[in-house]
N, C-alpha and C. Protein backbone atom coordinates (compact mmCIF):
# COMPACT_ATOMS: atom_id res chain seq x y z
N TYR A 1 0.82 -1.19 0.00
CA TYR A 1 0.00 0.00 0.00
C TYR A 1 0.86 1.26 0.00
N ASN A 2 1.88 1.28 0.87
CA ASN A 2 2.71 2.49 0.99
C ASN A 2 3.42 2.84 -0.31
N VAL A 3 3.92 1.83 -1.00
CA VAL A 3 4.62 2.07 -2.27
C VAL A 3 3.65 2.68 -3.28
N LEU A 4 2.45 2.16 -3.36
CA LEU A 4 1.45 2.71 -4.28
C LEU A 4 1.09 4.15 -3.91
N TRP A 5 0.94 4.42 -2.61
CA TRP A 5 0.60 5.77 -2.17
C TRP A 5 1.71 6.75 -2.57
N ILE A 6 2.95 6.39 -2.32
CA ILE A 6 4.08 7.26 -2.68
C ILE A 6 4.18 7.41 -4.20
N THR A 7 3.93 6.33 -4.93
CA THR A 7 3.94 6.41 -6.39
C THR A 7 2.90 7.41 -6.89
N ASN A 8 1.71 7.36 -6.31
CA ASN A 8 0.66 8.31 -6.70
C ASN A 8 1.06 9.74 -6.34
N LEU A 9 1.71 9.92 -5.21
CA LEU A 9 2.19 11.25 -4.82
C LEU A 9 3.22 11.76 -5.83
N ILE A 10 4.15 10.92 -6.21
CA ILE A 10 5.17 11.32 -7.19
C ILE A 10 4.52 11.66 -8.53
N GLN A 11 3.54 10.87 -8.95
CA GLN A 11 2.83 11.18 -10.20
C GLN A 11 2.14 12.54 -10.10
N TYR A 12 1.49 12.81 -8.99
CA TYR A 12 0.84 14.11 -8.77
C TYR A 12 1.86 15.23 -8.86
N MET A 13 3.00 15.04 -8.22
CA MET A 13 4.04 16.07 -8.23
C MET A 13 4.56 16.31 -9.65
N ARG A 14 4.77 15.26 -10.39
CA ARG A 14 5.25 15.41 -11.77
C ARG A 14 4.22 16.15 -12.63
N GLN A 15 2.95 15.80 -12.47
CA GLN A 15 1.89 16.45 -13.24
C GLN A 15 1.81 17.95 -12.95
N HIS A 16 2.18 18.33 -11.74
CA HIS A 16 2.09 19.73 -11.33
C HIS A 16 3.47 20.41 -11.27
N HIS A 17 4.48 19.73 -11.78
CA HIS A 17 5.84 20.27 -11.88
C HIS A 17 6.45 20.62 -10.53
N TYR A 18 6.17 19.78 -9.53
CA TYR A 18 6.79 19.95 -8.21
C TYR A 18 7.98 19.01 -8.11
N THR A 19 8.99 19.43 -7.39
CA THR A 19 10.17 18.58 -7.19
C THR A 19 10.50 18.37 -5.72
N TYR A 20 9.75 18.99 -4.83
CA TYR A 20 10.07 18.99 -3.41
C TYR A 20 8.78 18.88 -2.61
N VAL A 21 8.80 18.06 -1.58
CA VAL A 21 7.60 17.91 -0.74
C VAL A 21 8.02 17.70 0.72
N VAL A 22 7.33 18.40 1.61
CA VAL A 22 7.50 18.21 3.05
C VAL A 22 6.13 18.34 3.71
N PRO A 23 5.91 17.68 4.83
CA PRO A 23 4.63 17.85 5.52
C PRO A 23 4.54 19.22 6.18
N ARG A 24 3.36 19.79 6.16
CA ARG A 24 3.14 21.07 6.85
C ARG A 24 3.19 20.82 8.37
N PRO A 25 3.65 21.80 9.14
CA PRO A 25 3.77 21.60 10.60
C PRO A 25 2.48 21.12 11.26
N GLU A 26 1.34 21.65 10.83
CA GLU A 26 0.07 21.21 11.44
C GLU A 26 -0.24 19.76 11.08
N ALA A 27 0.21 19.31 9.91
CA ALA A 27 0.02 17.91 9.53
C ALA A 27 0.90 17.00 10.38
N VAL A 28 2.11 17.45 10.67
CA VAL A 28 3.01 16.69 11.55
C VAL A 28 2.38 16.55 12.93
N GLU A 29 1.84 17.64 13.45
CA GLU A 29 1.19 17.61 14.76
C GLU A 29 -0.02 16.67 14.75
N GLY A 30 -0.81 16.73 13.68
CA GLY A 30 -1.97 15.86 13.56
C GLY A 30 -1.59 14.39 13.49
N TRP A 31 -0.55 14.09 12.71
CA TRP A 31 -0.09 12.70 12.58
C TRP A 31 0.46 12.21 13.91
N THR A 32 1.24 13.05 14.59
CA THR A 32 1.81 12.66 15.88
C THR A 32 0.70 12.36 16.88
N SER A 33 -0.33 13.16 16.93
CA SER A 33 -1.47 12.91 17.82
C SER A 33 -2.16 11.61 17.46
N PHE A 34 -2.32 11.36 16.17
CA PHE A 34 -2.95 10.12 15.68
C PHE A 34 -2.14 8.90 16.12
N VAL A 35 -0.82 8.97 15.98
CA VAL A 35 0.07 7.86 16.37
C VAL A 35 0.01 7.64 17.88
N LEU A 36 0.09 8.72 18.65
CA LEU A 36 0.05 8.59 20.10
C LEU A 36 -1.27 7.99 20.58
N LYS A 37 -2.38 8.43 19.99
CA LYS A 37 -3.69 7.90 20.37
C LYS A 37 -3.79 6.41 20.02
N ALA A 38 -3.27 6.02 18.87
CA ALA A 38 -3.33 4.62 18.45
C ALA A 38 -2.51 3.72 19.38
N GLY A 39 -1.48 4.28 20.00
CA GLY A 39 -0.62 3.48 20.87
C GLY A 39 -0.98 3.51 22.34
N GLU A 40 -2.02 4.26 22.70
CA GLU A 40 -2.41 4.35 24.11
C GLU A 40 -2.73 2.98 24.69
N GLY A 41 -2.20 2.72 25.88
CA GLY A 41 -2.52 1.49 26.59
C GLY A 41 -1.71 0.27 26.19
N LEU A 42 -0.81 0.40 25.24
CA LEU A 42 -0.02 -0.76 24.83
C LEU A 42 1.12 -0.99 25.82
N LEU A 43 1.31 -2.23 26.22
CA LEU A 43 2.37 -2.59 27.14
C LEU A 43 3.75 -2.25 26.56
N SER A 44 3.89 -2.36 25.25
CA SER A 44 5.19 -2.10 24.62
C SER A 44 5.67 -0.67 24.86
N ASN A 45 4.76 0.24 25.15
CA ASN A 45 5.14 1.63 25.43
C ASN A 45 5.74 1.81 26.82
N ASP A 46 5.58 0.79 27.68
CA ASP A 46 6.07 0.87 29.05
C ASP A 46 7.38 0.11 29.27
N VAL A 47 8.00 -0.32 28.19
CA VAL A 47 9.23 -1.12 28.26
C VAL A 47 10.38 -0.31 27.69
N ASP A 48 11.52 -0.36 28.38
CA ASP A 48 12.72 0.30 27.85
C ASP A 48 13.32 -0.59 26.76
N SER A 49 13.28 -0.12 25.53
CA SER A 49 13.86 -0.86 24.41
C SER A 49 14.14 0.10 23.27
N TRP A 50 14.78 -0.40 22.23
CA TRP A 50 15.06 0.44 21.06
C TRP A 50 13.76 0.91 20.43
N MET A 51 12.67 0.13 20.59
CA MET A 51 11.39 0.52 19.99
C MET A 51 10.76 1.70 20.70
N THR A 52 11.18 1.97 21.93
CA THR A 52 10.66 3.13 22.65
C THR A 52 11.73 4.21 22.78
N GLY A 53 12.79 4.10 21.99
CA GLY A 53 13.81 5.14 21.94
C GLY A 53 14.88 5.06 23.00
N ILE A 54 14.89 3.98 23.77
CA ILE A 54 15.87 3.85 24.85
C ILE A 54 17.11 3.13 24.35
N ASN A 55 18.26 3.72 24.64
CA ASN A 55 19.55 3.09 24.38
C ASN A 55 20.45 3.47 25.55
N GLN A 56 20.64 2.53 26.46
CA GLN A 56 21.42 2.80 27.67
C GLN A 56 22.86 3.16 27.37
N ASN A 57 23.35 2.81 26.18
CA ASN A 57 24.75 3.08 25.82
C ASN A 57 24.96 4.47 25.22
N VAL A 58 23.89 5.21 24.99
CA VAL A 58 23.99 6.52 24.35
C VAL A 58 23.43 7.58 25.29
N GLU A 59 24.25 8.56 25.61
CA GLU A 59 23.81 9.63 26.49
C GLU A 59 22.64 10.39 25.86
N GLY A 60 21.64 10.67 26.67
CA GLY A 60 20.48 11.41 26.18
C GLY A 60 19.40 10.54 25.56
N LYS A 61 19.59 9.22 25.54
CA LYS A 61 18.60 8.31 24.94
C LYS A 61 17.94 7.45 26.02
N GLN A 62 17.61 8.07 27.16
CA GLN A 62 16.98 7.33 28.24
C GLN A 62 15.52 7.76 28.46
N THR A 63 14.97 8.53 27.54
CA THR A 63 13.58 8.96 27.63
C THR A 63 12.76 8.22 26.58
N ARG A 64 11.67 7.62 27.02
CA ARG A 64 10.82 6.87 26.09
C ARG A 64 10.09 7.82 25.14
N ILE A 65 9.99 7.38 23.90
CA ILE A 65 9.22 8.09 22.88
C ILE A 65 8.38 7.07 22.12
N ILE A 66 7.33 7.53 21.50
CA ILE A 66 6.52 6.67 20.64
C ILE A 66 6.84 7.09 19.21
N ALA A 67 7.62 6.29 18.53
CA ALA A 67 8.08 6.67 17.19
C ALA A 67 7.54 5.73 16.11
N ARG A 68 6.49 5.00 16.43
CA ARG A 68 5.96 4.04 15.45
C ARG A 68 4.44 4.05 15.51
N TYR A 69 3.83 3.70 14.39
CA TYR A 69 2.38 3.60 14.34
C TYR A 69 1.98 2.20 14.78
N SER A 70 1.09 2.10 15.77
CA SER A 70 0.67 0.81 16.31
C SER A 70 -0.82 0.56 16.10
N GLY A 71 -1.46 1.37 15.28
CA GLY A 71 -2.89 1.21 15.04
C GLY A 71 -3.18 0.21 13.94
N SER A 72 -4.41 0.20 13.50
CA SER A 72 -4.84 -0.76 12.48
C SER A 72 -4.46 -0.29 11.08
N ALA A 73 -4.32 -1.25 10.19
CA ALA A 73 -4.03 -0.94 8.79
C ALA A 73 -5.19 -0.17 8.15
N PRO A 74 -6.45 -0.55 8.39
CA PRO A 74 -7.54 0.22 7.79
C PRO A 74 -7.55 1.69 8.24
N ALA A 75 -7.24 1.95 9.50
CA ALA A 75 -7.21 3.34 9.98
C ALA A 75 -6.06 4.10 9.33
N PHE A 76 -4.91 3.45 9.17
CA PHE A 76 -3.76 4.07 8.51
C PHE A 76 -4.10 4.43 7.07
N ARG A 77 -4.69 3.47 6.38
CA ARG A 77 -5.05 3.70 4.97
C ARG A 77 -6.09 4.80 4.83
N ALA A 78 -7.06 4.81 5.72
CA ALA A 78 -8.10 5.85 5.65
C ALA A 78 -7.48 7.23 5.82
N ARG A 79 -6.55 7.35 6.74
CA ARG A 79 -5.90 8.66 6.96
C ARG A 79 -5.05 9.04 5.76
N ALA A 80 -4.27 8.11 5.24
CA ALA A 80 -3.44 8.39 4.07
C ALA A 80 -4.29 8.71 2.85
N ASN A 81 -5.37 7.96 2.65
CA ASN A 81 -6.26 8.23 1.52
C ASN A 81 -6.91 9.60 1.63
N ALA A 82 -7.22 10.02 2.85
CA ALA A 82 -7.82 11.34 3.04
C ALA A 82 -6.85 12.44 2.62
N VAL A 83 -5.56 12.25 2.88
CA VAL A 83 -4.55 13.24 2.46
C VAL A 83 -4.54 13.34 0.94
N ALA A 84 -4.54 12.20 0.26
CA ALA A 84 -4.51 12.19 -1.20
C ALA A 84 -5.81 12.77 -1.78
N THR A 85 -6.94 12.35 -1.25
CA THR A 85 -8.23 12.82 -1.74
C THR A 85 -8.38 14.33 -1.58
N ASP A 86 -7.75 14.87 -0.56
CA ASP A 86 -7.81 16.31 -0.29
C ASP A 86 -6.78 17.08 -1.12
N GLY A 87 -6.19 16.43 -2.11
CA GLY A 87 -5.23 17.11 -2.98
C GLY A 87 -3.88 17.35 -2.34
N TYR A 88 -3.54 16.52 -1.36
CA TYR A 88 -2.24 16.61 -0.69
C TYR A 88 -2.01 17.98 -0.04
N ARG A 89 -3.09 18.62 0.41
CA ARG A 89 -2.96 19.96 1.01
C ARG A 89 -2.20 19.94 2.33
N GLN A 90 -2.06 18.77 2.95
CA GLN A 90 -1.27 18.67 4.18
C GLN A 90 0.23 18.69 3.89
N LEU A 91 0.56 18.65 2.61
CA LEU A 91 1.97 18.65 2.20
C LEU A 91 2.30 19.95 1.49
N GLU A 92 3.47 20.46 1.77
CA GLU A 92 3.95 21.65 1.06
C GLU A 92 4.82 21.19 -0.10
N MET A 93 4.48 21.64 -1.28
CA MET A 93 5.23 21.25 -2.49
C MET A 93 5.73 22.49 -3.21
N CYS A 94 6.86 22.35 -3.83
CA CYS A 94 7.37 23.43 -4.68
C CYS A 94 8.25 22.81 -5.76
């Protein structure tokens, strides 16, 4: 799914003569909230491991973070499809 989504994004960019794309700050905040909500209550978030950003051998890497999406595939696809259907307005292109 992800490869097809990115392929469609690249096609859109080529059709509109864009060569650069980054997410808008508000889209980053929205995605981060979505990821955090999807991961609420998971035991894996309460364990010190590389998956929660902990590396005891590296100074400054002792604080847990949620850096992965743990929700359902249908919810992920629905959110990604909404970005595309909305004309990629959550992305800044030039």
